[in-house]
């Protein structure tokens, strides 16, 4: 198997300090939490940003400040900006961090129920983000909440709007979307184009089982407070680093080495 790429989603747009005090808000908090996750073994930081009061934002200047501080602490880490933003944002609002020309960005490939809301990604939205990323040389990570989203991503490739090999991120167990079982994960991984790579992020209680399955099945792992605020049932996670450290320990039990950021770039077909 290839070495294991660990992505850490450090803050997201939904969870708050009321859910878990360790959730970072400010650029300084996010940079510190990203650095701790990087030191623990994460080679990719999946980055949402917040206003200082915790309100999610896609503001380019806020992203720029966050990226600057993260780069000061871990200059070789892969920063993957989110274009998902938060439910209700416009395409143009969500696309702001792409103007900073990051190495990598998420690209959501469909519409779904998301808790009590609807997360909208029309065909026009998907093509808009795909064209913008290709124009800027940004590697897309295709976020997939449902099986049909894989077909949407494949259509983007057929139209020449994205390059291959493709990299997918299966988000499993989010309320209103694909369940987080092993059979569900295998169904997803067997449906992507040959030569593609994949990561899985389990929501809440699904995070640890999905991480262990990915380690065994040859995929890659996403963990972090965006997806899961608990370390185990009833026990809040102390930090993003704690969640990364657990994946590293488990991977080593299976004799699977952890990828550095440059090794992750090679596996994903990226140039630094």
Foldseek 3Di string as FASTA:
>chain_A
DAFFAEEEAAAAAPDDVVNPVLRDAALVSLLVQLLLQQVLFHQEYEDWHHDRVRHTFLAQVRVVSSVVSNCVRPVLGQYEYELQTDPPDDLVRSCNVVVVLGQEYEQEQAWWDFPPRIRGQDLVSRLVVLQSCVVSNHAYAYEDQALVSLVSVVVCVVVVSHDDPYEYEYEEPGPGTHHLDPVSVVVNVVNHDPPHAYEYAYAEPSRVVRLLSCLVVVHYYYYYCNRYQAPDVPHGDPGSSVVSNVSCVSSVVVVRHGDHNVSVCVSRVHDD
